Amino acid sequence: MNTQETILTILEELTGSEEVKDNLNVDLFEEGLLDSLGTVQLLVEIEGQLGVTVPVSEFERDEWATPQKIVDKVVAMEG
C-alpha cells in the first residue's frame, strides 16, 4: 500500500465510514467523523504504520480537516 491508501484505510477504520475514501474533501470534524480522541488515534496509527511522527502540539485542526489534507501533510513530512 502507498501512503494515501494506508491513510485512507486508517481513516476508514477510525471513522467507520467509507465516505473518507469516496470523498477526499469531506470535512472530518464538521461531519462528526473524527473527534479529538480519534485524532490522537489517527496520529498514533500514522506513526505506527508509516513511521511519521506528528506531535500533538503541532496538530492544527484546519490543516488536517479532510482526508486529502491529511495525505498531503504526511507525504510532505515523509519527504
PDB file of N, CA and C in Angstrom:
ATOM      1  N   MET A   1       0.838  -1.197   0.000  1.00  0.00           N
ATOM      2  CA  MET A   1       0.000   0.000   0.000  1.00  0.00           C
ATOM      3  C   MET A   1       0.874   1.248   0.000  1.00  0.00           C
ATOM      4  N   ASN A   2       0.422   2.247  -0.735  1.00  0.00           N
ATOM      5  CA  ASN A   2       1.148   3.507  -0.699  1.00  0.00           C
ATOM      6  C   ASN A   2       0.634   4.362   0.464  1.00  0.00           C
ATOM      7  N   THR A   3       1.224   5.513   0.648  1.00  0.00           N
ATOM      8  CA  THR A   3       0.874   6.370   1.782  1.00  0.00           C
ATOM      9  C   THR A   3      -0.598   6.744   1.769  1.00  0.00           C
ATOM     10  N   GLN A   4      -1.123   7.148   0.614  1.00  0.00           N
ATOM     11  CA  GLN A   4      -2.526   7.552   0.546  1.00  0.00           C
ATOM     12  C   GLN A   4      -3.446   6.387   0.913  1.00  0.00           C
ATOM     13  N   GLU A   5      -3.200   5.216   0.360  1.00  0.00           N
ATOM     14  CA  GLU A   5      -4.037   4.056   0.657  1.00  0.00           C
ATOM     15  C   GLU A   5      -3.989   3.713   2.142  1.00  0.00           C
ATOM     16  N   THR A   6      -2.801   3.789   2.732  1.00  0.00           N
ATOM     17  CA  THR A   6      -2.647   3.491   4.153  1.00  0.00           C
ATOM     18  C   THR A   6      -3.448   4.469   5.000  1.00  0.00           C
ATOM     19  N   ILE A   7      -3.326   5.755   4.701  1.00  0.00           N
ATOM     20  CA  ILE A   7      -4.050   6.775   5.463  1.00  0.00           C
ATOM     21  C   ILE A   7      -5.553   6.603   5.308  1.00  0.00           C
ATOM     22  N   LEU A   8      -6.013   6.360   4.100  1.00  0.00           N
ATOM     23  CA  LEU A   8      -7.455   6.195   3.885  1.00  0.00           C
ATOM     24  C   LEU A   8      -7.980   4.956   4.604  1.00  0.00           C
ATOM     25  N   THR A   9      -7.188   3.906   4.657  1.00  0.00           N
ATOM     26  CA  THR A   9      -7.592   2.705   5.386  1.00  0.00           C
ATOM     27  C   THR A   9      -7.666   2.995   6.887  1.00  0.00           C
ATOM     28  N   ILE A  10      -6.682   3.708   7.402  1.00  0.00           N
ATOM     29  CA  ILE A  10      -6.700   4.100   8.820  1.00  0.00           C
ATOM     30  C   ILE A  10      -7.941   4.936   9.106  1.00  0.00           C
ATOM     31  N   LEU A  11      -8.204   5.924   8.260  1.00  0.00           N
ATOM     32  CA  LEU A  11      -9.375   6.787   8.461  1.00  0.00           C
ATOM     33  C   LEU A  11     -10.678   5.998   8.400  1.00  0.00           C
ATOM     34  N   GLU A  12     -10.769   5.065   7.461  1.00  0.00           N
ATOM     35  CA  GLU A  12     -11.985   4.263   7.342  1.00  0.00           C
ATOM     36  C   GLU A  12     -12.206   3.448   8.611  1.00  0.00           C
ATOM     37  N   GLU A  13     -11.136   2.871   9.151  1.00  0.00           N
ATOM     38  CA  GLU A  13     -11.254   2.094  10.381  1.00  0.00           C
ATOM     39  C   GLU A  13     -11.644   2.974  11.564  1.00  0.00           C
ATOM     40  N   LEU A  14     -11.058   4.161  11.661  1.00  0.00           N
ATOM     41  CA  LEU A  14     -11.344   5.060  12.781  1.00  0.00           C
ATOM     42  C   LEU A  14     -12.746   5.653  12.720  1.00  0.00           C
ATOM     43  N   THR A  15     -13.190   5.984  11.512  1.00  0.00           N
ATOM     44  CA  THR A  15     -14.489   6.660  11.375  1.00  0.00           C
ATOM     45  C   THR A  15     -15.641   5.684  11.167  1.00  0.00           C
ATOM     46  N   GLY A  16     -15.328   4.474  10.707  1.00  0.00           N
ATOM     47  CA  GLY A  16     -16.377   3.512  10.397  1.00  0.00           C
ATOM     48  C   GLY A  16     -17.156   3.902   9.150  1.00  0.00           C
ATOM     49  N   SER A  17     -16.560   4.750   8.321  1.00  0.00           N
ATOM     50  CA  SER A  17     -17.256   5.255   7.142  1.00  0.00           C
ATOM     51  C   SER A  17     -16.393   5.115   5.898  1.00  0.00           C
ATOM     52  N   GLU A  18     -17.007   4.622   4.821  1.00  0.00           N
ATOM     53  CA  GLU A  18     -16.311   4.542   3.540  1.00  0.00           C
ATOM     54  C   GLU A  18     -16.245   5.903   2.853  1.00  0.00           C
ATOM     55  N   GLU A  19     -17.004   6.861   3.369  1.00  0.00           N
ATOM     56  CA  GLU A  19     -17.032   8.193   2.758  1.00  0.00           C
ATOM     57  C   GLU A  19     -15.639   8.812   2.680  1.00  0.00           C
ATOM     58  N   VAL A  20     -14.761   8.455   3.622  1.00  0.00           N
ATOM     59  CA  VAL A  20     -13.412   9.040   3.618  1.00  0.00           C
ATOM     60  C   VAL A  20     -12.621   8.615   2.382  1.00  0.00           C
ATOM     61  N   LYS A  21     -12.980   7.480   1.785  1.00  0.00           N
ATOM     62  CA  LYS A  21     -12.321   7.034   0.558  1.00  0.00           C
ATOM     63  C   LYS A  21     -13.024   7.571  -0.683  1.00  0.00           C
ATOM     64  N   ASP A  22     -14.327   7.810  -0.566  1.00  0.00           N
ATOM     65  CA  ASP A  22     -15.122   8.274  -1.701  1.00  0.00           C
ATOM     66  C   ASP A  22     -15.041   9.785  -1.905  1.00  0.00           C
ATOM     67  N   ASN A  23     -14.886  10.522  -0.810  1.00  0.00           N
ATOM     68  CA  ASN A  23     -14.862  11.985  -0.870  1.00  0.00           C
ATOM     69  C   ASN A  23     -13.645  12.483  -0.091  1.00  0.00           C
ATOM     70  N   LEU A  24     -12.556  12.703  -0.785  1.00  0.00           N
ATOM     71  CA  LEU A  24     -11.318  13.108  -0.123  1.00  0.00           C
ATOM     72  C   LEU A  24     -11.373  14.521   0.439  1.00  0.00           C
ATOM     73  N   ASN A  25     -12.441  15.248   0.142  1.00  0.00           N
ATOM     74  CA  ASN A  25     -12.574  16.613   0.645  1.00  0.00           C
ATOM     75  C   ASN A  25     -13.642  16.755   1.722  1.00  0.00           C
ATOM     76  N   VAL A  26     -14.154  15.639   2.230  1.00  0.00           N
ATOM     77  CA  VAL A  26     -15.143  15.708   3.306  1.00  0.00           C
ATOM     78  C   VAL A  26     -14.453  16.254   4.557  1.00  0.00           C
ATOM     79  N   ASP A  27     -15.125  17.188   5.239  1.00  0.00           N
ATOM     80  CA  ASP A  27     -14.564  17.745   6.474  1.00  0.00           C
ATOM     81  C   ASP A  27     -14.847  16.764   7.604  1.00  0.00           C
ATOM     82  N   LEU A  28     -13.813  16.102   8.061  1.00  0.00           N
ATOM     83  CA  LEU A  28     -13.949  15.029   9.048  1.00  0.00           C
ATOM     84  C   LEU A  28     -14.518  15.520  10.374  1.00  0.00           C
ATOM     85  N   PHE A  29     -14.199  16.742  10.758  1.00  0.00           N
ATOM     86  CA  PHE A  29     -14.660  17.273  12.030  1.00  0.00           C
ATOM     87  C   PHE A  29     -16.084  17.819  11.924  1.00  0.00           C
ATOM     88  N   GLU A  30     -16.357  18.568  10.852  1.00  0.00           N
ATOM     89  CA  GLU A  30     -17.693  19.131  10.651  1.00  0.00           C
ATOM     90  C   GLU A  30     -18.748  18.035  10.493  1.00  0.00           C
ATOM     91  N   GLU A  31     -18.375  16.938   9.851  1.00  0.00           N
ATOM     92  CA  GLU A  31     -19.316  15.840   9.617  1.00  0.00           C
ATOM     93  C   GLU A  31     -19.404  14.883  10.808  1.00  0.00           C
ATOM     94  N   GLY A  32     -18.621  15.150  11.845  1.00  0.00           N
ATOM     95  CA  GLY A  32     -18.658  14.307  13.036  1.00  0.00           C
ATOM     96  C   GLY A  32     -17.998  12.949  12.850  1.00  0.00           C
ATOM     97  N   LEU A  33     -17.153  12.838  11.835  1.00  0.00           N
ATOM     98  CA  LEU A  33     -16.475  11.563  11.579  1.00  0.00           C
ATOM     99  C   LEU A  33     -15.232  11.392  12.437  1.00  0.00           C
ATOM    100  N   LEU A  34     -14.667  12.496  12.906  1.00  0.00           N
ATOM    101  CA  LEU A  34     -13.453  12.445  13.705  1.00  0.00           C
ATOM    102  C   LEU A  34     -13.560  13.453  14.840  1.00  0.00           C
ATOM    103  N   ASP A  35     -13.174  13.018  16.041  1.00  0.00           N
ATOM    104  CA  ASP A  35     -13.168  13.912  17.199  1.00  0.00           C
ATOM    105  C   ASP A  35     -11.755  13.940  17.776  1.00  0.00           C
ATOM    106  N   SER A  36     -11.583  14.541  18.943  1.00  0.00           N
ATOM    107  CA  SER A  36     -10.235  14.685  19.494  1.00  0.00           C
ATOM    108  C   SER A  36      -9.607  13.332  19.819  1.00  0.00           C
ATOM    109  N   LEU A  37     -10.374  12.402  20.335  1.00  0.00           N
ATOM    110  CA  LEU A  37      -9.836  11.067  20.617  1.00  0.00           C
ATOM    111  C   LEU A  37      -9.450  10.368  19.318  1.00  0.00           C
ATOM    112  N   GLY A  38     -10.286  10.488  18.308  1.00  0.00           N
ATOM    113  CA  GLY A  38      -9.987   9.908  17.004  1.00  0.00           C
ATOM    114  C   GLY A  38      -8.747  10.519  16.383  1.00  0.00           C
ATOM    115  N   THR A  39      -8.540  11.805  16.634  1.00  0.00           N
ATOM    116  CA  THR A  39      -7.360  12.484  16.122  1.00  0.00           C
ATOM    117  C   THR A  39      -6.091  11.885  16.724  1.00  0.00           C
ATOM    118  N   VAL A  40      -6.101  11.664  18.029  1.00  0.00           N
ATOM    119  CA  VAL A  40      -4.944  11.066  18.697  1.00  0.00           C
ATOM    120  C   VAL A  40      -4.704   9.664  18.150  1.00  0.00           C
ATOM    121  N   GLN A  41      -5.774   8.898  17.982  1.00  0.00           N
ATOM    122  CA  GLN A  41      -5.637   7.555  17.421  1.00  0.00           C
ATOM    123  C   GLN A  41      -5.070   7.610  16.005  1.00  0.00           C
ATOM    124  N   LEU A  42      -5.505   8.583  15.222  1.00  0.00           N
ATOM    125  CA  LEU A  42      -5.003   8.770  13.862  1.00  0.00           C
ATOM    126  C   LEU A  42      -3.500   9.018  13.870  1.00  0.00           C
ATOM    127  N   LEU A  43      -3.047   9.918  14.734  1.00  0.00           N
ATOM    128  CA  LEU A  43      -1.628  10.248  14.792  1.00  0.00           C
ATOM    129  C   LEU A  43      -0.797   9.048  15.243  1.00  0.00           C
ATOM    130  N   VAL A  44      -1.330   8.263  16.177  1.00  0.00           N
ATOM    131  CA  VAL A  44      -0.639   7.049  16.644  1.00  0.00           C
ATOM    132  C   VAL A  44      -0.526   6.036  15.505  1.00  0.00           C
ATOM    133  N   GLU A  45      -1.605   5.860  14.753  1.00  0.00           N
ATOM    134  CA  GLU A  45      -1.596   4.909  13.635  1.00  0.00           C
ATOM    135  C   GLU A  45      -0.665   5.369  12.515  1.00  0.00           C
ATOM    136  N   ILE A  46      -0.640   6.662  12.233  1.00  0.00           N
ATOM    137  CA  ILE A  46       0.258   7.185  11.201  1.00  0.00           C
ATOM    138  C   ILE A  46       1.707   6.910  11.600  1.00  0.00           C
ATOM    139  N   GLU A  47       2.011   7.134  12.868  1.00  0.00           N
ATOM    140  CA  GLU A  47       3.372   6.876  13.330  1.00  0.00           C
ATOM    141  C   GLU A  47       3.690   5.382  13.276  1.00  0.00           C
ATOM    142  N   GLY A  48       2.759   4.560  13.728  1.00  0.00           N
ATOM    143  CA  GLY A  48       2.991   3.123  13.764  1.00  0.00           C
ATOM    144  C   GLY A  48       3.105   2.482  12.394  1.00  0.00           C
ATOM    145  N   GLN A  49       2.254   2.906  11.475  1.00  0.00           N
ATOM    146  CA  GLN A  49       2.215   2.270  10.160  1.00  0.00           C
ATOM    147  C   GLN A  49       3.123   2.925   9.125  1.00  0.00           C
ATOM    148  N   LEU A  50       3.366   4.225   9.281  1.00  0.00           N
ATOM    149  CA  LEU A  50       4.146   4.942   8.271  1.00  0.00           C
ATOM    150  C   LEU A  50       5.466   5.499   8.819  1.00  0.00           C
ATOM    151  N   GLY A  51       5.639   5.450  10.135  1.00  0.00           N
ATOM    152  CA  GLY A  51       6.873   5.955  10.724  1.00  0.00           C
ATOM    153  C   GLY A  51       6.991   7.465  10.709  1.00  0.00           C
ATOM    154  N   VAL A  52       5.870   8.162  10.563  1.00  0.00           N
ATOM    155  CA  VAL A  52       5.860   9.630  10.546  1.00  0.00           C
ATOM    156  C   VAL A  52       5.303  10.118  11.883  1.00  0.00           C
ATOM    157  N   THR A  53       6.123  10.858  12.611  1.00  0.00           N
ATOM    158  CA  THR A  53       5.714  11.362  13.918  1.00  0.00           C
ATOM    159  C   THR A  53       5.153  12.768  13.784  1.00  0.00           C
ATOM    160  N   VAL A  54       3.943  12.949  14.286  1.00  0.00           N
ATOM    161  CA  VAL A  54       3.307  14.263  14.296  1.00  0.00           C
ATOM    162  C   VAL A  54       2.994  14.606  15.747  1.00  0.00           C
ATOM    163  N   PRO A  55       3.767  15.494  16.351  1.00  0.00           N
ATOM    164  CA  PRO A  55       3.477  15.882  17.734  1.00  0.00           C
ATOM    165  C   PRO A  55       2.092  16.528  17.831  1.00  0.00           C
ATOM    166  N   VAL A  56       1.341  16.148  18.841  1.00  0.00           N
ATOM    167  CA  VAL A  56       0.000  16.705  19.017  1.00  0.00           C
ATOM    168  C   VAL A  56       0.078  18.227  19.130  1.00  0.00           C
ATOM    169  N   SER A  57       1.162  18.727  19.694  1.00  0.00           N
ATOM    170  CA  SER A  57       1.330  20.181  19.849  1.00  0.00           C
ATOM    171  C   SER A  57       1.433  20.898  18.504  1.00  0.00           C
ATOM    172  N   GLU A  58       1.792  20.162  17.448  1.00  0.00           N
ATOM    173  CA  GLU A  58       1.896  20.766  16.115  1.00  0.00           C
ATOM    174  C   GLU A  58       0.672  20.495  15.249  1.00  0.00           C
ATOM    175  N   PHE A  59      -0.322  19.850  15.822  1.00  0.00           N
ATOM    176  CA  PHE A  59      -1.524  19.497  15.078  1.00  0.00           C
ATOM    177  C   PHE A  59      -2.442  20.705  14.977  1.00  0.00           C
ATOM    178  N   GLU A  60      -2.670  21.161  13.764  1.00  0.00           N
ATOM    179  CA  GLU A  60      -3.608  22.256  13.508  1.00  0.00           C
ATOM    180  C   GLU A  60      -4.839  21.653  12.842  1.00  0.00           C
ATOM    181  N   ARG A  61      -5.961  21.685  13.529  1.00  0.00           N
ATOM    182  CA  ARG A  61      -7.173  21.029  13.052  1.00  0.00           C
ATOM    183  C   ARG A  61      -7.541  21.412  11.618  1.00  0.00           C
ATOM    184  N   ASP A  62      -7.437  22.687  11.295  1.00  0.00           N
ATOM    185  CA  ASP A  62      -7.795  23.138   9.945  1.00  0.00           C
ATOM    186  C   ASP A  62      -6.905  22.515   8.876  1.00  0.00           C
ATOM    187  N   GLU A  63      -5.645  22.252   9.229  1.00  0.00           N
ATOM    188  CA  GLU A  63      -4.705  21.687   8.268  1.00  0.00           C
ATOM    189  C   GLU A  63      -4.880  20.175   8.095  1.00  0.00           C
ATOM    190  N   TRP A  64      -5.677  19.565   8.967  1.00  0.00           N
ATOM    191  CA  TRP A  64      -5.879  18.109   8.951  1.00  0.00           C
ATOM    192  C   TRP A  64      -7.362  17.767   8.816  1.00  0.00           C
ATOM    193  N   ALA A  65      -8.165  18.681   8.280  1.00  0.00           N
ATOM    194  CA  ALA A  65      -9.625  18.533   8.316  1.00  0.00           C
ATOM    195  C   ALA A  65     -10.197  17.552   7.304  1.00  0.00           C
ATOM    196  N   THR A  66      -9.467  17.266   6.219  1.00  0.00           N
ATOM    197  CA  THR A  66     -10.005  16.374   5.187  1.00  0.00           C
ATOM    198  C   THR A  66      -9.015  15.238   4.917  1.00  0.00           C
ATOM    199  N   PRO A  67      -9.498  14.137   4.379  1.00  0.00           N
ATOM    200  CA  PRO A  67      -8.569  13.060   4.017  1.00  0.00           C
ATOM    201  C   PRO A  67      -7.443  13.541   3.101  1.00  0.00           C
ATOM    202  N   GLN A  68      -7.768  14.396   2.126  1.00  0.00           N
ATOM    203  CA  GLN A  68      -6.736  14.880   1.200  1.00  0.00           C
ATOM    204  C   GLN A  68      -5.682  15.712   1.924  1.00  0.00           C
ATOM    205  N   LYS A  69      -6.112  16.569   2.842  1.00  0.00           N
ATOM    206  CA  LYS A  69      -5.160  17.387   3.592  1.00  0.00           C
ATOM    207  C   LYS A  69      -4.243  16.506   4.444  1.00  0.00           C
ATOM    208  N   ILE A  70      -4.798  15.454   5.022  1.00  0.00           N
ATOM    209  CA  ILE A  70      -4.000  14.537   5.840  1.00  0.00           C
ATOM    210  C   ILE A  70      -2.957  13.847   4.972  1.00  0.00           C
ATOM    211  N   VAL A  71      -3.385  13.341   3.820  1.00  0.00           N
ATOM    212  CA  VAL A  71      -2.448  12.686   2.896  1.00  0.00           C
ATOM    213  C   VAL A  71      -1.340  13.668   2.503  1.00  0.00           C
ATOM    214  N   ASP A  72      -1.708  14.885   2.134  1.00  0.00           N
ATOM    215  CA  ASP A  72      -0.728  15.877   1.705  1.00  0.00           C
ATOM    216  C   ASP A  72       0.283  16.174   2.815  1.00  0.00           C
ATOM    217  N   LYS A  73      -0.199  16.343   4.051  1.00  0.00           N
ATOM    218  CA  LYS A  73       0.691  16.654   5.180  1.00  0.00           C
ATOM    219  C   LYS A  73       1.655  15.507   5.437  1.00  0.00           C
ATOM    220  N   VAL A  74       1.158  14.288   5.450  1.00  0.00           N
ATOM    221  CA  VAL A  74       2.013  13.135   5.750  1.00  0.00           C
ATOM    222  C   VAL A  74       3.036  12.921   4.636  1.00  0.00           C
ATOM    223  N   VAL A  75       2.603  13.040   3.391  1.00  0.00           N
ATOM    224  CA  VAL A  75       3.543  12.891   2.275  1.00  0.00           C
ATOM    225  C   VAL A  75       4.653  13.935   2.367  1.00  0.00           C
ATOM    226  N   ALA A  76       4.294  15.155   2.704  1.00  0.00           N
ATOM    227  CA  ALA A  76       5.292  16.218   2.845  1.00  0.00           C
ATOM    228  C   ALA A  76       6.257  15.913   3.984  1.00  0.00           C
ATOM    229  N   MET A  77       5.771  15.335   5.057  1.00  0.00           N
ATOM    230  CA  MET A  77       6.616  15.009   6.211  1.00  0.00           C
ATOM    231  C   MET A  77       7.525  13.817   5.918  1.00  0.00           C
ATOM    232  N   GLU A  78       7.079  12.937   5.024  1.00  0.00           N
ATOM    233  CA  GLU A  78       7.897  11.777   4.665  1.00  0.00           C
ATOM    234  C   GLU A  78       9.118  12.193   3.857  1.00  0.00           C
ATOM    235  N   GLY A  79       8.891  13.168   2.972  1.00  0.00           N
ATOM    236  CA  GLY A  79       9.928  13.563   2.027  1.00  0.00           C
ATOM    237  C   GLY A  79      11.024  14.309   2.687  1.00  0.00           C
TER     238      GLY A  79
END
